[in-house]
Amino acid sequence: MMLSWTCLYLFIWVAQYHFQDLASYPVLLWITLTMSLVWHLRWFIRYRFSIPGHCLLDMLAAIFCNCCSLSQMARHVFYYR
């Protein structure tokens, strides 16, 4: 069973808050980079294929539903041809 990205973000945020450990900063950095990469990729696909939408919705999808966003983008690009 696949762990949702949202649960992972929430878990790391709670662990960071409670333990105040420096070891979790690289993990938070990694999560931030992946979210921003997915956000930029969603924007680029919307721009490239002239898909209407809003940048804020792309950001929310990248933060709270990362796996769903990647799946949706892959499906759209695959079926475009």
Protein backbone atom coordinates (compact mmCIF):
# COMPACT_ATOMS: atom_id res chain seq x y z
CA MET A 1 0.00 0.00 0.00
CA MET A 2 1.37 3.37 -1.00
CA LEU A 3 1.84 6.02 1.68
CA SER A 4 0.24 9.29 0.75
CA TRP A 5 2.57 12.27 0.41
CA THR A 6 0.24 14.30 2.58
CA CYS A 7 0.64 11.88 5.45
CA LEU A 8 4.39 11.99 5.01
CA TYR A 9 4.45 15.80 5.11
CA LEU A 10 2.27 15.85 8.20
CA PHE A 11 4.37 13.23 9.96
CA ILE A 12 7.61 15.10 9.32
CA TRP A 13 6.08 18.39 10.39
CA VAL A 14 4.88 16.89 13.67
CA ALA A 15 8.24 15.19 14.26
CA GLN A 16 10.05 18.45 13.59
CA TYR A 17 7.81 20.31 16.00
CA HIS A 18 8.08 17.80 18.82
CA PHE A 19 11.70 16.70 18.63
CA GLN A 20 13.44 19.83 17.31
CA ASP A 21 16.14 17.62 15.82
CA LEU A 22 18.54 18.88 13.16
CA ALA A 23 18.51 15.50 11.43
CA SER A 24 15.07 16.19 9.95
CA TYR A 25 16.15 19.37 8.12
CA PRO A 26 17.55 17.46 5.11
CA VAL A 27 14.26 15.58 4.86
CA LEU A 28 12.29 18.82 4.98
CA LEU A 29 14.56 20.26 2.33
CA TRP A 30 14.04 17.20 0.12
CA ILE A 31 10.25 17.43 0.50
CA THR A 32 10.29 21.13 -0.29
CA LEU A 33 12.35 20.54 -3.43
CA THR A 34 10.09 17.73 -4.67
CA MET A 35 6.97 19.82 -4.06
CA SER A 36 8.41 22.77 -5.96
CA LEU A 37 9.54 20.50 -8.79
CA VAL A 38 6.06 18.98 -9.16
CA TRP A 39 4.53 22.46 -8.97
CA HIS A 40 6.78 23.76 -11.75
CA LEU A 41 6.19 20.64 -13.84
CA ARG A 42 2.39 21.05 -13.53
CA TRP A 43 2.69 24.67 -14.60
CA PHE A 44 4.86 23.74 -17.58
CA ILE A 45 2.47 21.01 -18.76
CA ARG A 46 -0.49 23.39 -18.44
CA TYR A 47 1.41 26.01 -20.41
CA ARG A 48 2.66 23.56 -23.07
CA PHE A 49 -0.73 21.96 -23.73
CA SER A 50 -2.81 25.15 -23.20
CA ILE A 51 -4.73 23.68 -20.27
CA PRO A 52 -6.74 26.26 -18.34
CA GLY A 53 -6.09 26.46 -14.63
CA HIS A 54 -4.60 28.50 -11.86
CA CYS A 55 -1.13 28.56 -10.35
CA LEU A 56 -2.53 28.37 -6.82
CA LEU A 57 -4.40 25.17 -7.61
CA ASP A 58 -1.20 23.68 -9.02
CA MET A 59 0.60 24.55 -5.80
CA LEU A 60 -2.11 22.98 -3.64
CA ALA A 61 -2.11 19.83 -5.77
CA ALA A 62 1.68 19.59 -5.51
CA ILE A 63 1.58 19.96 -1.73
CA PHE A 64 -1.39 17.81 -0.75
CA CYS A 65 -1.70 15.29 -3.57
CA ASN A 66 1.75 14.81 -5.04
CA CYS A 67 1.19 11.24 -6.25
CA CYS A 68 -2.12 12.15 -7.86
CA SER A 69 -0.52 15.12 -9.61
CA LEU A 70 2.27 13.02 -11.06
CA SER A 71 -0.21 10.38 -12.20
CA GLN A 72 -2.46 12.97 -13.84
CA MET A 73 0.44 14.62 -15.66
CA ALA A 74 1.81 11.30 -16.90
CA ARG A 75 -1.61 10.20 -18.12
CA HIS A 76 -2.19 13.48 -19.97
CA VAL A 77 1.21 13.49 -21.66
CA PHE A 78 0.94 9.78 -22.58
CA TYR A 79 -2.51 10.11 -24.14
CA TYR A 80 -1.80 13.40 -25.91
CA ARG A 81 -0.36 11.67 -28.95
